């Protein structure tokens, strides 16, 4: 059974600037697991994903890019 919960805002630092990202709790938990797996801080992982997103298509919202990256990681068995 899925655990449903409202989205939560978290502040992260991207390129020296604070920004807020809104994701549902399961996505925050998965993002932290992926950061731990890759031996990165949460900020470093979000920055990495943000840089990849900007290089491919900067019109994609960062929160969407984070979810897409987590889905890709889950499909590869990394989560």
C-alpha atoms as a PDB file:
ATOM      1  CA  UNK A   1       0.000   0.000   0.000  1.00  0.00           C
ATOM      2  CA  UNK A   2       1.265   3.470  -0.847  1.00  0.00           C
ATOM      3  CA  UNK A   3       1.925   6.054   1.814  1.00  0.00           C
ATOM      4  CA  UNK A   4       0.266   9.289   0.715  1.00  0.00           C
ATOM      5  CA  UNK A   5       1.423  12.571   2.170  1.00  0.00           C
ATOM      6  CA  UNK A   6       1.378  16.188   1.114  1.00  0.00           C
ATOM      7  CA  UNK A   7       4.449  17.666  -0.515  1.00  0.00           C
ATOM      8  CA  UNK A   8       7.024  19.383   1.707  1.00  0.00           C
ATOM      9  CA  UNK A   9       9.384  22.220   0.944  1.00  0.00           C
ATOM     10  CA  UNK A  10      13.088  21.862   1.658  1.00  0.00           C
ATOM     11  CA  UNK A  11      15.758  24.479   1.201  1.00  0.00           C
ATOM     12  CA  UNK A  12      18.897  23.535  -0.693  1.00  0.00           C
ATOM     13  CA  UNK A  13      21.894  25.488  -1.893  1.00  0.00           C
ATOM     14  CA  UNK A  14      22.552  25.468  -5.633  1.00  0.00           C
ATOM     15  CA  UNK A  15      25.653  27.270  -6.853  1.00  0.00           C
ATOM     16  CA  UNK A  16      25.788  29.330  -3.666  1.00  0.00           C
ATOM     17  CA  UNK A  17      22.108  30.346  -3.726  1.00  0.00           C
ATOM     18  CA  UNK A  18      19.374  29.053  -1.430  1.00  0.00           C
ATOM     19  CA  UNK A  19      16.261  27.741  -3.148  1.00  0.00           C
ATOM     20  CA  UNK A  20      13.224  25.772  -2.054  1.00  0.00           C
ATOM     21  CA  UNK A  21      12.132  22.543  -3.675  1.00  0.00           C
ATOM     22  CA  UNK A  22       8.753  20.939  -3.077  1.00  0.00           C
ATOM     23  CA  UNK A  23       8.549  17.140  -3.156  1.00  0.00           C
ATOM     24  CA  UNK A  24       6.470  14.486  -1.445  1.00  0.00           C
ATOM     25  CA  UNK A  25       8.155  12.783   1.557  1.00  0.00           C
ATOM     26  CA  UNK A  26       8.838   9.475  -0.263  1.00  0.00           C
ATOM     27  CA  UNK A  27      10.781  11.390  -2.910  1.00  0.00           C
ATOM     28  CA  UNK A  28      12.835  13.202  -0.257  1.00  0.00           C
ATOM     29  CA  UNK A  29      13.612   9.857   1.370  1.00  0.00           C
ATOM     30  CA  UNK A  30      14.616   8.303  -1.968  1.00  0.00           C
ATOM     31  CA  UNK A  31      16.731  11.321  -2.836  1.00  0.00           C
ATOM     32  CA  UNK A  32      18.607  10.995   0.463  1.00  0.00           C
ATOM     33  CA  UNK A  33      19.129   7.254  -0.138  1.00  0.00           C
ATOM     34  CA  UNK A  34      20.519   7.973  -3.601  1.00  0.00           C
ATOM     35  CA  UNK A  35      22.804  10.687  -2.202  1.00  0.00           C
ATOM     36  CA  UNK A  36      24.054   8.259   0.462  1.00  0.00           C
ATOM     37  CA  UNK A  37      24.597   5.549  -2.170  1.00  0.00           C
ATOM     38  CA  UNK A  38      26.635   7.934  -4.309  1.00  0.00           C
ATOM     39  CA  UNK A  39      28.518   9.276  -1.261  1.00  0.00           C
ATOM     40  CA  UNK A  40      27.225  12.805  -1.884  1.00  0.00           C
ATOM     41  CA  UNK A  41      25.489  15.339   0.277  1.00  0.00           C
ATOM     42  CA  UNK A  42      21.882  16.025  -0.623  1.00  0.00           C
ATOM     43  CA  UNK A  43      22.901  19.486  -1.872  1.00  0.00           C
ATOM     44  CA  UNK A  44      25.647  17.986  -4.055  1.00  0.00           C
ATOM     45  CA  UNK A  45      23.276  15.452  -5.613  1.00  0.00           C
ATOM     46  CA  UNK A  46      20.602  18.086  -6.277  1.00  0.00           C
ATOM     47  CA  UNK A  47      23.265  20.351  -7.819  1.00  0.00           C
ATOM     48  CA  UNK A  48      24.442  17.499 -10.045  1.00  0.00           C
ATOM     49  CA  UNK A  49      20.896  16.787 -11.216  1.00  0.00           C
ATOM     50  CA  UNK A  50      20.274  20.514 -11.736  1.00  0.00           C
ATOM     51  CA  UNK A  51      23.382  20.809 -13.921  1.00  0.00           C
ATOM     52  CA  UNK A  52      22.330  17.785 -16.005  1.00  0.00           C
ATOM     53  CA  UNK A  53      18.832  19.235 -16.368  1.00  0.00           C
ATOM     54  CA  UNK A  54      20.157  22.640 -17.440  1.00  0.00           C
ATOM     55  CA  UNK A  55      22.432  21.037 -20.025  1.00  0.00           C
ATOM     56  CA  UNK A  56      19.579  18.997 -21.524  1.00  0.00           C
ATOM     57  CA  UNK A  57      16.485  21.162 -21.179  1.00  0.00           C
ATOM     58  CA  UNK A  58      16.415  24.053 -18.724  1.00  0.00           C
ATOM     59  CA  UNK A  59      12.645  24.408 -19.188  1.00  0.00           C
ATOM     60  CA  UNK A  60      12.086  21.225 -17.146  1.00  0.00           C
ATOM     61  CA  UNK A  61      11.314  22.170 -13.528  1.00  0.00           C
ATOM     62  CA  UNK A  62      13.935  21.027 -11.041  1.00  0.00           C
ATOM     63  CA  UNK A  63      11.385  19.073  -8.984  1.00  0.00           C
ATOM     64  CA  UNK A  64      10.416  17.143 -12.131  1.00  0.00           C
ATOM     65  CA  UNK A  65      14.077  16.464 -12.927  1.00  0.00           C
ATOM     66  CA  UNK A  66      14.575  15.094  -9.410  1.00  0.00           C
ATOM     67  CA  UNK A  67      11.603  12.745  -9.750  1.00  0.00           C
ATOM     68  CA  UNK A  68      12.778  11.588 -13.191  1.00  0.00           C
ATOM     69  CA  UNK A  69      16.283  10.886 -11.852  1.00  0.00           C
ATOM     70  CA  UNK A  70      14.819   8.916  -8.952  1.00  0.00           C
ATOM     71  CA  UNK A  71      12.656   6.880 -11.306  1.00  0.00           C
ATOM     72  CA  UNK A  72      15.692   6.121 -13.456  1.00  0.00           C
ATOM     73  CA  UNK A  73      17.667   5.071 -10.367  1.00  0.00           C
ATOM     74  CA  UNK A  74      14.802   2.853  -9.192  1.00  0.00           C
ATOM     75  CA  UNK A  75      14.562   1.197 -12.597  1.00  0.00           C
ATOM     76  CA  UNK A  76      18.296   0.436 -12.462  1.00  0.00           C
ATOM     77  CA  UNK A  77      17.925  -1.053  -8.980  1.00  0.00           C
ATOM     78  CA  UNK A  78      19.913   1.742  -7.343  1.00  0.00           C
ATOM     79  CA  UNK A  79      17.288   2.494  -4.702  1.00  0.00           C
END
